[in-house]
Amino acid sequence: MILKLLLIVGVIAAVYMIFFKQKPTISNHSKKPENENRHNEANDMVECSTCGVYCEIDEAILSDAKYYCSSECLTKAL
């Protein structure tokens, strides 16, 4: 009788562990603002039309459908 009771309790515990117990969630305690995470990601690179240096597209200057790495290169092209 006790063996049957232990077996039933074991089956119920196994079913609970498999189906109902939630897995621990991974929490990121050191959340950074989006601006800081953005610098860690790779951005698209474009070539300067004047000097040929590659720079990030976010930092490049677009003028007449051409990218320039700085305002100095832009004035050289004009």
PDB file of N, CA and C in Angstrom:
ATOM      1  N   MET A   1       0.823  -1.196   0.000  1.00  0.00           N
ATOM      2  CA  MET A   1       0.000   0.000   0.000  1.00  0.00           C
ATOM      3  C   MET A   1       0.870   1.265   0.000  1.00  0.00           C
ATOM      4  N   ILE A   2       1.901   1.294   0.825  1.00  0.00           N
ATOM      5  CA  ILE A   2       2.787   2.454   0.883  1.00  0.00           C
ATOM      6  C   ILE A   2       3.554   2.580  -0.423  1.00  0.00           C
ATOM      7  N   LEU A   3       3.907   1.449  -1.018  1.00  0.00           N
ATOM      8  CA  LEU A   3       4.626   1.467  -2.288  1.00  0.00           C
ATOM      9  C   LEU A   3       3.768   2.096  -3.388  1.00  0.00           C
ATOM     10  N   LYS A   4       2.486   1.773  -3.411  1.00  0.00           N
ATOM     11  CA  LYS A   4       1.575   2.372  -4.393  1.00  0.00           C
ATOM     12  C   LYS A   4       1.453   3.880  -4.168  1.00  0.00           C
ATOM     13  N   LEU A   5       1.371   4.287  -2.917  1.00  0.00           N
ATOM     14  CA  LEU A   5       1.254   5.703  -2.575  1.00  0.00           C
ATOM     15  C   LEU A   5       2.512   6.459  -2.998  1.00  0.00           C
ATOM     16  N   LEU A   6       3.694   5.900  -2.724  1.00  0.00           N
ATOM     17  CA  LEU A   6       4.947   6.526  -3.140  1.00  0.00           C
ATOM     18  C   LEU A   6       5.060   6.602  -4.660  1.00  0.00           C
ATOM     19  N   LEU A   7       4.601   5.572  -5.344  1.00  0.00           N
ATOM     20  CA  LEU A   7       4.621   5.557  -6.805  1.00  0.00           C
ATOM     21  C   LEU A   7       3.706   6.637  -7.371  1.00  0.00           C
ATOM     22  N   ILE A   8       2.523   6.804  -6.810  1.00  0.00           N
ATOM     23  CA  ILE A   8       1.584   7.832  -7.266  1.00  0.00           C
ATOM     24  C   ILE A   8       2.154   9.224  -6.998  1.00  0.00           C
ATOM     25  N   VAL A   9       2.723   9.431  -5.818  1.00  0.00           N
ATOM     26  CA  VAL A   9       3.327  10.724  -5.495  1.00  0.00           C
ATOM     27  C   VAL A   9       4.498  11.001  -6.436  1.00  0.00           C
ATOM     28  N   GLY A  10       5.289   9.992  -6.754  1.00  0.00           N
ATOM     29  CA  GLY A  10       6.411  10.150  -7.675  1.00  0.00           C
ATOM     30  C   GLY A  10       5.956  10.520  -9.075  1.00  0.00           C
ATOM     31  N   VAL A  11       4.888   9.882  -9.554  1.00  0.00           N
ATOM     32  CA  VAL A  11       4.355  10.194 -10.884  1.00  0.00           C
ATOM     33  C   VAL A  11       3.798  11.614 -10.907  1.00  0.00           C
ATOM     34  N   ILE A  12       3.097  11.997  -9.870  1.00  0.00           N
ATOM     35  CA  ILE A  12       2.543  13.357  -9.807  1.00  0.00           C
ATOM     36  C   ILE A  12       3.672  14.378  -9.761  1.00  0.00           C
ATOM     37  N   ALA A  13       4.711  14.104  -8.998  1.00  0.00           N
ATOM     38  CA  ALA A  13       5.853  15.022  -8.927  1.00  0.00           C
ATOM     39  C   ALA A  13       6.561  15.117 -10.276  1.00  0.00           C
ATOM     40  N   ALA A  14       6.701  14.008 -10.968  1.00  0.00           N
ATOM     41  CA  ALA A  14       7.347  14.017 -12.281  1.00  0.00           C
ATOM     42  C   ALA A  14       6.526  14.811 -13.283  1.00  0.00           C
ATOM     43  N   VAL A  15       5.224  14.628 -13.288  1.00  0.00           N
ATOM     44  CA  VAL A  15       4.353  15.380 -14.198  1.00  0.00           C
ATOM     45  C   VAL A  15       4.424  16.866 -13.884  1.00  0.00           C
ATOM     46  N   TYR A  16       4.438  17.220 -12.604  1.00  0.00           N
ATOM     47  CA  TYR A  16       4.542  18.627 -12.213  1.00  0.00           C
ATOM     48  C   TYR A  16       5.861  19.224 -12.696  1.00  0.00           C
ATOM     49  N   MET A  17       6.962  18.488 -12.488  1.00  0.00           N
ATOM     50  CA  MET A  17       8.275  19.000 -12.884  1.00  0.00           C
ATOM     51  C   MET A  17       8.372  19.176 -14.396  1.00  0.00           C
ATOM     52  N   ILE A  18       7.804  18.286 -15.143  1.00  0.00           N
ATOM     53  CA  ILE A  18       7.923  18.339 -16.603  1.00  0.00           C
ATOM     54  C   ILE A  18       7.033  19.421 -17.198  1.00  0.00           C
ATOM     55  N   PHE A  19       5.789  19.502 -16.753  1.00  0.00           N
ATOM     56  CA  PHE A  19       4.818  20.359 -17.435  1.00  0.00           C
ATOM     57  C   PHE A  19       4.533  21.699 -16.757  1.00  0.00           C
ATOM     58  N   PHE A  20       4.591  21.749 -15.445  1.00  0.00           N
ATOM     59  CA  PHE A  20       4.107  22.943 -14.766  1.00  0.00           C
ATOM     60  C   PHE A  20       5.185  23.835 -14.182  1.00  0.00           C
ATOM     61  N   LYS A  21       6.321  23.282 -13.850  1.00  0.00           N
ATOM     62  CA  LYS A  21       7.360  24.101 -13.244  1.00  0.00           C
ATOM     63  C   LYS A  21       7.995  24.991 -14.298  1.00  0.00           C
ATOM     64  N   GLN A  22       8.053  26.289 -14.022  1.00  0.00           N
ATOM     65  CA  GLN A  22       8.615  27.222 -14.982  1.00  0.00           C
ATOM     66  C   GLN A  22      10.125  27.174 -14.922  1.00  0.00           C
ATOM     67  N   LYS A  23      10.712  27.276 -16.087  1.00  0.00           N
ATOM     68  CA  LYS A  23      12.168  27.317 -16.151  1.00  0.00           C
ATOM     69  C   LYS A  23      12.637  28.698 -15.697  1.00  0.00           C
ATOM     70  N   PRO A  24      13.777  28.780 -15.067  1.00  0.00           N
ATOM     71  CA  PRO A  24      14.254  30.096 -14.621  1.00  0.00           C
ATOM     72  C   PRO A  24      14.556  30.996 -15.815  1.00  0.00           C
ATOM     73  N   THR A  25      14.122  32.222 -15.701  1.00  0.00           N
ATOM     74  CA  THR A  25      14.368  33.169 -16.775  1.00  0.00           C
ATOM     75  C   THR A  25      15.713  33.845 -16.557  1.00  0.00           C
ATOM     76  N   ILE A  26      16.387  34.124 -17.636  1.00  0.00           N
ATOM     77  CA  ILE A  26      17.673  34.803 -17.561  1.00  0.00           C
ATOM     78  C   ILE A  26      17.399  36.296 -17.501  1.00  0.00           C
ATOM     79  N   SER A  27      17.792  36.906 -16.418  1.00  0.00           N
ATOM     80  CA  SER A  27      17.584  38.345 -16.272  1.00  0.00           C
ATOM     81  C   SER A  27      18.904  39.054 -16.478  1.00  0.00           C
ATOM     82  N   ASN A  28      18.858  40.136 -17.209  1.00  0.00           N
ATOM     83  CA  ASN A  28      20.055  40.917 -17.485  1.00  0.00           C
ATOM     84  C   ASN A  28      20.103  42.052 -16.476  1.00  0.00           C
ATOM     85  N   HIS A  29      20.904  41.861 -15.411  1.00  0.00           N
ATOM     86  CA  HIS A  29      20.967  42.861 -14.349  1.00  0.00           C
ATOM     87  C   HIS A  29      21.678  44.129 -14.792  1.00  0.00           C
ATOM     88  N   SER A  30      22.566  44.006 -15.746  1.00  0.00           N
ATOM     89  CA  SER A  30      23.335  45.169 -16.182  1.00  0.00           C
ATOM     90  C   SER A  30      22.779  45.701 -17.501  1.00  0.00           C
ATOM     91  N   LYS A  31      21.505  46.065 -17.483  1.00  0.00           N
ATOM     92  CA  LYS A  31      20.907  46.606 -18.701  1.00  0.00           C
ATOM     93  C   LYS A  31      21.477  47.987 -18.974  1.00  0.00           C
ATOM     94  N   LYS A  32      21.873  48.185 -20.227  1.00  0.00           N
ATOM     95  CA  LYS A  32      22.419  49.463 -20.637  1.00  0.00           C
ATOM     96  C   LYS A  32      21.398  50.164 -21.512  1.00  0.00           C
ATOM     97  N   PRO A  33      21.451  51.454 -21.568  1.00  0.00           N
ATOM     98  CA  PRO A  33      20.569  52.163 -22.483  1.00  0.00           C
ATOM     99  C   PRO A  33      20.860  51.764 -23.921  1.00  0.00           C
ATOM    100  N   GLU A  34      19.881  51.968 -24.784  1.00  0.00           N
ATOM    101  CA  GLU A  34      20.025  51.555 -26.180  1.00  0.00           C
ATOM    102  C   GLU A  34      21.186  52.250 -26.872  1.00  0.00           C
ATOM    103  N   ASN A  35      21.489  53.480 -26.488  1.00  0.00           N
ATOM    104  CA  ASN A  35      22.577  54.203 -27.142  1.00  0.00           C
ATOM    105  C   ASN A  35      23.921  53.534 -26.896  1.00  0.00           C
ATOM    106  N   GLU A  36      24.132  52.992 -25.709  1.00  0.00           N
ATOM    107  CA  GLU A  36      25.398  52.331 -25.408  1.00  0.00           C
ATOM    108  C   GLU A  36      25.495  50.999 -26.132  1.00  0.00           C
ATOM    109  N   ASN A  37      24.391  50.264 -26.238  1.00  0.00           N
ATOM    110  CA  ASN A  37      24.402  48.991 -26.949  1.00  0.00           C
ATOM    111  C   ASN A  37      24.599  49.202 -28.438  1.00  0.00           C
ATOM    112  N   ARG A  38      24.170  50.311 -28.941  1.00  0.00           N
ATOM    113  CA  ARG A  38      24.246  50.593 -30.362  1.00  0.00           C
ATOM    114  C   ARG A  38      25.697  50.680 -30.830  1.00  0.00           C
ATOM    115  N   HIS A  39      26.586  51.166 -29.981  1.00  0.00           N
ATOM    116  CA  HIS A  39      27.980  51.296 -30.361  1.00  0.00           C
ATOM    117  C   HIS A  39      28.670  49.944 -30.442  1.00  0.00           C
ATOM    118  N   ASN A  40      28.137  48.937 -29.777  1.00  0.00           N
ATOM    119  CA  ASN A  40      28.734  47.614 -29.826  1.00  0.00           C
ATOM    120  C   ASN A  40      28.359  46.867 -31.100  1.00  0.00           C
ATOM    121  N   GLU A  41      27.310  47.287 -31.758  1.00  0.00           N
ATOM    122  CA  GLU A  41      26.873  46.615 -32.963  1.00  0.00           C
ATOM    123  C   GLU A  41      27.642  47.145 -34.167  1.00  0.00           C
ATOM    124  N   ALA A  42      27.796  46.306 -35.160  1.00  0.00           N
ATOM    125  CA  ALA A  42      28.494  46.714 -36.375  1.00  0.00           C
ATOM    126  C   ALA A  42      27.552  47.552 -37.246  1.00  0.00           C
ATOM    127  N   ASN A  43      28.058  48.672 -37.733  1.00  0.00           N
ATOM    128  CA  ASN A  43      27.294  49.523 -38.624  1.00  0.00           C
ATOM    129  C   ASN A  43      27.816  49.358 -40.042  1.00  0.00           C
ATOM    130  N   ASP A  44      27.026  49.782 -41.006  1.00  0.00           N
ATOM    131  CA  ASP A  44      27.470  49.738 -42.391  1.00  0.00           C
ATOM    132  C   ASP A  44      28.559  50.771 -42.609  1.00  0.00           C
ATOM    133  N   MET A  45      29.548  50.399 -43.403  1.00  0.00           N
ATOM    134  CA  MET A  45      30.673  51.281 -43.695  1.00  0.00           C
ATOM    135  C   MET A  45      30.557  51.748 -45.145  1.00  0.00           C
ATOM    136  N   VAL A  46      30.920  53.006 -45.386  1.00  0.00           N
ATOM    137  CA  VAL A  46      30.929  53.563 -46.736  1.00  0.00           C
ATOM    138  C   VAL A  46      32.293  54.197 -46.993  1.00  0.00           C
ATOM    139  N   GLU A  47      32.652  54.269 -48.252  1.00  0.00           N
ATOM    140  CA  GLU A  47      33.941  54.837 -48.632  1.00  0.00           C
ATOM    141  C   GLU A  47      33.780  56.316 -48.955  1.00  0.00           C
ATOM    142  N   CYS A  48      34.701  57.123 -48.461  1.00  0.00           N
ATOM    143  CA  CYS A  48      34.706  58.548 -48.749  1.00  0.00           C
ATOM    144  C   CYS A  48      35.023  58.738 -50.229  1.00  0.00           C
ATOM    145  N   SER A  49      34.270  59.597 -50.893  1.00  0.00           N
ATOM    146  CA  SER A  49      34.470  59.819 -52.329  1.00  0.00           C
ATOM    147  C   SER A  49      35.761  60.569 -52.628  1.00  0.00           C
ATOM    148  N   THR A  50      36.290  61.303 -51.667  1.00  0.00           N
ATOM    149  CA  THR A  50      37.502  62.086 -51.890  1.00  0.00           C
ATOM    150  C   THR A  50      38.770  61.323 -51.529  1.00  0.00           C
ATOM    151  N   CYS A  51      38.866  60.855 -50.289  1.00  0.00           N
ATOM    152  CA  CYS A  51      40.125  60.259 -49.828  1.00  0.00           C
ATOM    153  C   CYS A  51      40.113  58.738 -49.794  1.00  0.00           C
ATOM    154  N   GLY A  52      38.952  58.101 -49.881  1.00  0.00           N
ATOM    155  CA  GLY A  52      38.877  56.650 -49.907  1.00  0.00           C
ATOM    156  C   GLY A  52      38.847  55.979 -48.550  1.00  0.00           C
ATOM    157  N   VAL A  53      38.783  56.761 -47.479  1.00  0.00           N
ATOM    158  CA  VAL A  53      38.723  56.202 -46.128  1.00  0.00           C
ATOM    159  C   VAL A  53      37.317  55.677 -45.884  1.00  0.00           C
ATOM    160  N   TYR A  54      37.218  54.531 -45.205  1.00  0.00           N
ATOM    161  CA  TYR A  54      35.918  53.985 -44.845  1.00  0.00           C
ATOM    162  C   TYR A  54      35.492  54.541 -43.495  1.00  0.00           C
ATOM    163  N   CYS A  55      34.236  54.950 -43.402  1.00  0.00           N
ATOM    164  CA  CYS A  55      33.686  55.439 -42.147  1.00  0.00           C
ATOM    165  C   CYS A  55      32.264  54.918 -42.006  1.00  0.00           C
ATOM    166  N   GLU A  56      31.757  54.969 -40.787  1.00  0.00           N
ATOM    167  CA  GLU A  56      30.402  54.484 -40.542  1.00  0.00           C
ATOM    168  C   GLU A  56      29.400  55.377 -41.254  1.00  0.00           C
ATOM    169  N   ILE A  57      28.355  54.762 -41.740  1.00  0.00           N
ATOM    170  CA  ILE A  57      27.359  55.505 -42.509  1.00  0.00           C
ATOM    171  C   ILE A  57      26.655  56.543 -41.638  1.00  0.00           C
ATOM    172  N   ASP A  58      26.571  56.285 -40.315  1.00  0.00           N
ATOM    173  CA  ASP A  58      25.939  57.247 -39.407  1.00  0.00           C
ATOM    174  C   ASP A  58      26.777  58.510 -39.238  1.00  0.00           C
ATOM    175  N   GLU A  59      28.096  58.394 -39.408  1.00  0.00           N
ATOM    176  CA  GLU A  59      28.988  59.535 -39.214  1.00  0.00           C
ATOM    177  C   GLU A  59      29.364  60.206 -40.536  1.00  0.00           C
ATOM    178  N   ALA A  60      29.032  59.587 -41.647  1.00  0.00           N
ATOM    179  CA  ALA A  60      29.409  60.134 -42.951  1.00  0.00           C
ATOM    180  C   ALA A  60      28.491  61.285 -43.350  1.00  0.00           C
ATOM    181  N   ILE A  61      29.005  62.139 -44.234  1.00  0.00           N
ATOM    182  CA  ILE A  61      28.242  63.277 -44.759  1.00  0.00           C
ATOM    183  C   ILE A  61      27.804  62.919 -46.169  1.00  0.00           C
ATOM    184  N   LEU A  62      26.516  63.016 -46.439  1.00  0.00           N
ATOM    185  CA  LEU A  62      25.969  62.688 -47.752  1.00  0.00           C
ATOM    186  C   LEU A  62      25.705  63.976 -48.515  1.00  0.00           C
ATOM    187  N   SER A  63      26.319  64.084 -49.693  1.00  0.00           N
ATOM    188  CA  SER A  63      26.116  65.260 -50.528  1.00  0.00           C
ATOM    189  C   SER A  63      26.166  64.831 -51.983  1.00  0.00           C
ATOM    190  N   ASP A  64      25.171  65.190 -52.742  1.00  0.00           N
ATOM    191  CA  ASP A  64      25.066  64.830 -54.163  1.00  0.00           C
ATOM    192  C   ASP A  64      25.229  63.326 -54.368  1.00  0.00           C
ATOM    193  N   ALA A  65      24.570  62.536 -53.534  1.00  0.00           N
ATOM    194  CA  ALA A  65      24.573  61.072 -53.607  1.00  0.00           C
ATOM    195  C   ALA A  65      25.965  60.473 -53.426  1.00  0.00           C
ATOM    196  N   LYS A  66      26.875  61.194 -52.775  1.00  0.00           N
ATOM    197  CA  LYS A  66      28.217  60.698 -52.466  1.00  0.00           C
ATOM    198  C   LYS A  66      28.464  60.886 -50.986  1.00  0.00           C
ATOM    199  N   TYR A  67      29.216  59.958 -50.412  1.00  0.00           N
ATOM    200  CA  TYR A  67      29.533  60.016 -48.992  1.00  0.00           C
ATOM    201  C   TYR A  67      30.924  60.605 -48.787  1.00  0.00           C
ATOM    202  N   TYR A  68      31.051  61.419 -47.736  1.00  0.00           N
ATOM    203  CA  TYR A  68      32.327  62.032 -47.375  1.00  0.00           C
ATOM    204  C   TYR A  68      32.579  61.775 -45.904  1.00  0.00           C
ATOM    205  N   CYS A  69      33.868  61.558 -45.548  1.00  0.00           N
ATOM    206  CA  CYS A  69      34.204  61.232 -44.160  1.00  0.00           C
ATOM    207  C   CYS A  69      34.224  62.466 -43.271  1.00  0.00           C
ATOM    208  N   SER A  70      34.460  63.655 -43.850  1.00  0.00           N
ATOM    209  CA  SER A  70      34.520  64.870 -43.049  1.00  0.00           C
ATOM    210  C   SER A  70      34.124  66.071 -43.911  1.00  0.00           C
ATOM    211  N   SER A  71      33.952  67.200 -43.252  1.00  0.00           N
ATOM    212  CA  SER A  71      33.603  68.408 -43.997  1.00  0.00           C
ATOM    213  C   SER A  71      34.783  68.883 -44.842  1.00  0.00           C
ATOM    214  N   GLU A  72      36.017  68.546 -44.425  1.00  0.00           N
ATOM    215  CA  GLU A  72      37.191  68.914 -45.213  1.00  0.00           C
ATOM    216  C   GLU A  72      37.187  68.207 -46.568  1.00  0.00           C
ATOM    217  N   CYS A  73      36.863  66.938 -46.570  1.00  0.00           N
ATOM    218  CA  CYS A  73      36.785  66.190 -47.833  1.00  0.00           C
ATOM    219  C   CYS A  73      35.641  66.713 -48.699  1.00  0.00           C
ATOM    220  N   LEU A  74      34.571  67.130 -48.064  1.00  0.00           N
ATOM    221  CA  LEU A  74      33.445  67.683 -48.818  1.00  0.00           C
ATOM    222  C   LEU A  74      33.877  68.976 -49.511  1.00  0.00           C
ATOM    223  N   THR A  75      34.587  69.864 -48.825  1.00  0.00           N
ATOM    224  CA  THR A  75      35.010  71.113 -49.439  1.00  0.00           C
ATOM    225  C   THR A  75      36.084  70.877 -50.517  1.00  0.00           C
ATOM    226  N   LYS A  76      36.924  69.861 -50.370  1.00  0.00           N
ATOM    227  CA  LYS A  76      37.900  69.524 -51.401  1.00  0.00           C
ATOM    228  C   LYS A  76      37.197  69.071 -52.676  1.00  0.00           C
ATOM    229  N   ALA A  77      36.079  68.358 -52.524  1.00  0.00           N
ATOM    230  CA  ALA A  77      35.366  67.839 -53.690  1.00  0.00           C
ATOM    231  C   ALA A  77      34.651  68.945 -54.440  1.00  0.00           C
ATOM    232  N   LEU A  78      34.306  70.023 -53.746  1.00  0.00           N
ATOM    233  CA  LEU A  78      33.602  71.138 -54.420  1.00  0.00           C
ATOM    234  C   LEU A  78      34.598  72.005 -55.077  1.00  0.00           C
TER     235      LEU A  78
END
